[in-house]
Amino acid sequence: MPVRFVDKEEEKTLYMIQLKKDNIELQNKVSLLQHQVNERK
């Protein structure tokens, strides 16, 4: 495989890993906010 292709694939993989981390962080924040809202009821 050409080096450029490998670089692009690696870049995509790293981007997807970061998206996954961001998604988990956002899910945690949503859960926390839901919990806070439920406590006020």
PDB file of N, CA and C in Angstrom:
ATOM      1  N   MET A   1       0.844  -1.191   0.000  1.00  0.00           N
ATOM      2  CA  MET A   1       0.000   0.000   0.000  1.00  0.00           C
ATOM      3  C   MET A   1       0.880   1.242   0.000  1.00  0.00           C
ATOM      4  N   PRO A   2       0.422   2.240  -0.721  1.00  0.00           N
ATOM      5  CA  PRO A   2       1.195   3.482  -0.699  1.00  0.00           C
ATOM      6  C   PRO A   2       1.159   4.111   0.696  1.00  0.00           C
ATOM      7  N   VAL A   3       2.221   4.809   1.013  1.00  0.00           N
ATOM      8  CA  VAL A   3       2.345   5.431   2.332  1.00  0.00           C
ATOM      9  C   VAL A   3       1.209   6.429   2.568  1.00  0.00           C
ATOM     10  N   ARG A   4       0.853   7.162   1.551  1.00  0.00           N
ATOM     11  CA  ARG A   4      -0.206   8.171   1.702  1.00  0.00           C
ATOM     12  C   ARG A   4      -1.541   7.528   2.105  1.00  0.00           C
ATOM     13  N   PHE A   5      -1.846   6.379   1.538  1.00  0.00           N
ATOM     14  CA  PHE A   5      -3.072   5.667   1.885  1.00  0.00           C
ATOM     15  C   PHE A   5      -3.048   5.250   3.351  1.00  0.00           C
ATOM     16  N   VAL A   6      -1.927   4.723   3.794  1.00  0.00           N
ATOM     17  CA  VAL A   6      -1.790   4.286   5.182  1.00  0.00           C
ATOM     18  C   VAL A   6      -1.950   5.488   6.109  1.00  0.00           C
ATOM     19  N   ASP A   7      -1.351   6.615   5.770  1.00  0.00           N
ATOM     20  CA  ASP A   7      -1.474   7.822   6.581  1.00  0.00           C
ATOM     21  C   ASP A   7      -2.927   8.258   6.691  1.00  0.00           C
ATOM     22  N   LYS A   8      -3.649   8.219   5.597  1.00  0.00           N
ATOM     23  CA  LYS A   8      -5.054   8.621   5.601  1.00  0.00           C
ATOM     24  C   LYS A   8      -5.890   7.666   6.445  1.00  0.00           C
ATOM     25  N   GLU A   9      -5.623   6.391   6.334  1.00  0.00           N
ATOM     26  CA  GLU A   9      -6.356   5.408   7.132  1.00  0.00           C
ATOM     27  C   GLU A   9      -6.065   5.591   8.620  1.00  0.00           C
ATOM     28  N   GLU A  10      -4.825   5.844   8.936  1.00  0.00           N
ATOM     29  CA  GLU A  10      -4.457   6.082  10.334  1.00  0.00           C
ATOM     30  C   GLU A  10      -5.147   7.348  10.857  1.00  0.00           C
ATOM     31  N   GLU A  11      -5.175   8.363  10.038  1.00  0.00           N
ATOM     32  CA  GLU A  11      -5.834   9.615  10.408  1.00  0.00           C
ATOM     33  C   GLU A  11      -7.323   9.379  10.676  1.00  0.00           C
ATOM     34  N   LYS A  12      -7.968   8.613   9.813  1.00  0.00           N
ATOM     35  CA  LYS A  12      -9.390   8.291  10.002  1.00  0.00           C
ATOM     36  C   LYS A  12      -9.607   7.497  11.280  1.00  0.00           C
ATOM     37  N   THR A  13      -8.727   6.549  11.529  1.00  0.00           N
ATOM     38  CA  THR A  13      -8.847   5.723  12.725  1.00  0.00           C
ATOM     39  C   THR A  13      -8.709   6.572  13.984  1.00  0.00           C
ATOM     40  N   LEU A  14      -7.717   7.445  14.007  1.00  0.00           N
ATOM     41  CA  LEU A  14      -7.518   8.312  15.161  1.00  0.00           C
ATOM     42  C   LEU A  14      -8.697   9.253  15.355  1.00  0.00           C
ATOM     43  N   TYR A  15      -9.243   9.732  14.258  1.00  0.00           N
ATOM     44  CA  TYR A  15     -10.414  10.600  14.326  1.00  0.00           C
ATOM     45  C   TYR A  15     -11.610   9.852  14.915  1.00  0.00           C
ATOM     46  N   MET A  16     -11.797   8.632  14.495  1.00  0.00           N
ATOM     47  CA  MET A  16     -12.912   7.823  15.009  1.00  0.00           C
ATOM     48  C   MET A  16     -12.735   7.520  16.495  1.00  0.00           C
ATOM     49  N   ILE A  17     -11.514   7.271  16.904  1.00  0.00           N
ATOM     50  CA  ILE A  17     -11.243   7.037  18.324  1.00  0.00           C
ATOM     51  C   ILE A  17     -11.589   8.283  19.129  1.00  0.00           C
ATOM     52  N   GLN A  18     -11.210   9.453  18.626  1.00  0.00           N
ATOM     53  CA  GLN A  18     -11.525  10.692  19.327  1.00  0.00           C
ATOM     54  C   GLN A  18     -13.033  10.927  19.369  1.00  0.00           C
ATOM     55  N   LEU A  19     -13.718  10.630  18.286  1.00  0.00           N
ATOM     56  CA  LEU A  19     -15.178  10.765  18.277  1.00  0.00           C
ATOM     57  C   LEU A  19     -15.816   9.863  19.333  1.00  0.00           C
ATOM     58  N   LYS A  20     -15.311   8.670  19.446  1.00  0.00           N
ATOM     59  CA  LYS A  20     -15.835   7.729  20.444  1.00  0.00           C
ATOM     60  C   LYS A  20     -15.639   8.279  21.852  1.00  0.00           C
ATOM     61  N   LYS A  21     -14.456   8.815  22.121  1.00  0.00           N
ATOM     62  CA  LYS A  21     -14.184   9.402  23.436  1.00  0.00           C
ATOM     63  C   LYS A  21     -15.110  10.591  23.698  1.00  0.00           C
ATOM     64  N   ASP A  22     -15.281  11.429  22.697  1.00  0.00           N
ATOM     65  CA  ASP A  22     -16.172  12.587  22.832  1.00  0.00           C
ATOM     66  C   ASP A  22     -17.604  12.138  23.085  1.00  0.00           C
ATOM     67  N   ASN A  23     -18.013  11.105  22.382  1.00  0.00           N
ATOM     68  CA  ASN A  23     -19.368  10.583  22.543  1.00  0.00           C
ATOM     69  C   ASN A  23     -19.584  10.064  23.964  1.00  0.00           C
ATOM     70  N   ILE A  24     -18.646   9.335  24.488  1.00  0.00           N
ATOM     71  CA  ILE A  24     -18.748   8.800  25.847  1.00  0.00           C
ATOM     72  C   ILE A  24     -18.827   9.952  26.852  1.00  0.00           C
ATOM     73  N   GLU A  25     -18.012  10.966  26.646  1.00  0.00           N
ATOM     74  CA  GLU A  25     -18.027  12.123  27.538  1.00  0.00           C
ATOM     75  C   GLU A  25     -19.395  12.813  27.507  1.00  0.00           C
ATOM     76  N   LEU A  26     -19.940  12.978  26.328  1.00  0.00           N
ATOM     77  CA  LEU A  26     -21.254  13.613  26.203  1.00  0.00           C
ATOM     78  C   LEU A  26     -22.353  12.752  26.826  1.00  0.00           C
ATOM     79  N   GLN A  27     -22.265  11.457  26.644  1.00  0.00           N
ATOM     80  CA  GLN A  27     -23.244  10.559  27.265  1.00  0.00           C
ATOM     81  C   GLN A  27     -23.203  10.680  28.783  1.00  0.00           C
ATOM     82  N   ASN A  28     -22.008  10.785  29.327  1.00  0.00           N
ATOM     83  CA  ASN A  28     -21.860  10.935  30.774  1.00  0.00           C
ATOM     84  C   ASN A  28     -22.470  12.251  31.254  1.00  0.00           C
ATOM     85  N   LYS A  29     -22.258  13.307  30.496  1.00  0.00           N
ATOM     86  CA  LYS A  29     -22.828  14.607  30.858  1.00  0.00           C
ATOM     87  C   LYS A  29     -24.353  14.577  30.799  1.00  0.00           C
ATOM     88  N   VAL A  30     -24.888  13.941  29.783  1.00  0.00           N
ATOM     89  CA  VAL A  30     -26.345  13.829  29.655  1.00  0.00           C
ATOM     90  C   VAL A  30     -26.906  13.033  30.830  1.00  0.00           C
ATOM     91  N   SER A  31     -26.253  11.950  31.175  1.00  0.00           N
ATOM     92  CA  SER A  31     -26.709  11.132  32.305  1.00  0.00           C
ATOM     93  C   SER A  31     -26.708  11.939  33.598  1.00  0.00           C
ATOM     94  N   LEU A  32     -25.664  12.698  33.806  1.00  0.00           N
ATOM     95  CA  LEU A  32     -25.578  13.533  34.992  1.00  0.00           C
ATOM     96  C   LEU A  32     -26.701  14.562  35.018  1.00  0.00           C
ATOM     97  N   LEU A  33     -26.950  15.204  33.897  1.00  0.00           N
ATOM     98  CA  LEU A  33     -28.019  16.195  33.816  1.00  0.00           C
ATOM     99  C   LEU A  33     -29.390  15.552  34.024  1.00  0.00           C
ATOM    100  N   GLN A  34     -29.590  14.373  33.468  1.00  0.00           N
ATOM    101  CA  GLN A  34     -30.858  13.667  33.677  1.00  0.00           C
ATOM    102  C   GLN A  34     -31.057  13.346  35.156  1.00  0.00           C
ATOM    103  N   HIS A  35     -29.989  12.943  35.787  1.00  0.00           N
ATOM    104  CA  HIS A  35     -30.061  12.631  37.205  1.00  0.00           C
ATOM    105  C   HIS A  35     -30.426  13.890  38.016  1.00  0.00           C
ATOM    106  N   GLN A  36     -29.795  15.009  37.666  1.00  0.00           N
ATOM    107  CA  GLN A  36     -30.085  16.268  38.368  1.00  0.00           C
ATOM    108  C   GLN A  36     -31.548  16.693  38.160  1.00  0.00           C
ATOM    109  N   VAL A  37     -32.039  16.532  36.959  1.00  0.00           N
ATOM    110  CA  VAL A  37     -33.425  16.888  36.658  1.00  0.00           C
ATOM    111  C   VAL A  37     -34.376  15.993  37.450  1.00  0.00           C
ATOM    112  N   ASN A  38     -34.088  14.713  37.496  1.00  0.00           N
ATOM    113  CA  ASN A  38     -34.936  13.766  38.219  1.00  0.00           C
ATOM    114  C   ASN A  38     -34.953  14.039  39.713  1.00  0.00           C
ATOM    115  N   GLU A  39     -33.859  14.536  40.238  1.00  0.00           N
ATOM    116  CA  GLU A  39     -33.803  14.855  41.666  1.00  0.00           C
ATOM    117  C   GLU A  39     -34.719  16.043  42.006  1.00  0.00           C
ATOM    118  N   ARG A  40     -34.918  16.923  41.068  1.00  0.00           N
ATOM    119  CA  ARG A  40     -35.736  18.118  41.309  1.00  0.00           C
ATOM    120  C   ARG A  40     -37.221  17.837  41.252  1.00  0.00           C
ATOM    121  N   LYS A  41     -37.586  16.701  40.713  1.00  0.00           N
ATOM    122  CA  LYS A  41     -39.013  16.370  40.569  1.00  0.00           C
ATOM    123  C   LYS A  41     -39.618  15.984  41.904  1.00  0.00           C
TER     124      LYS A  41
END
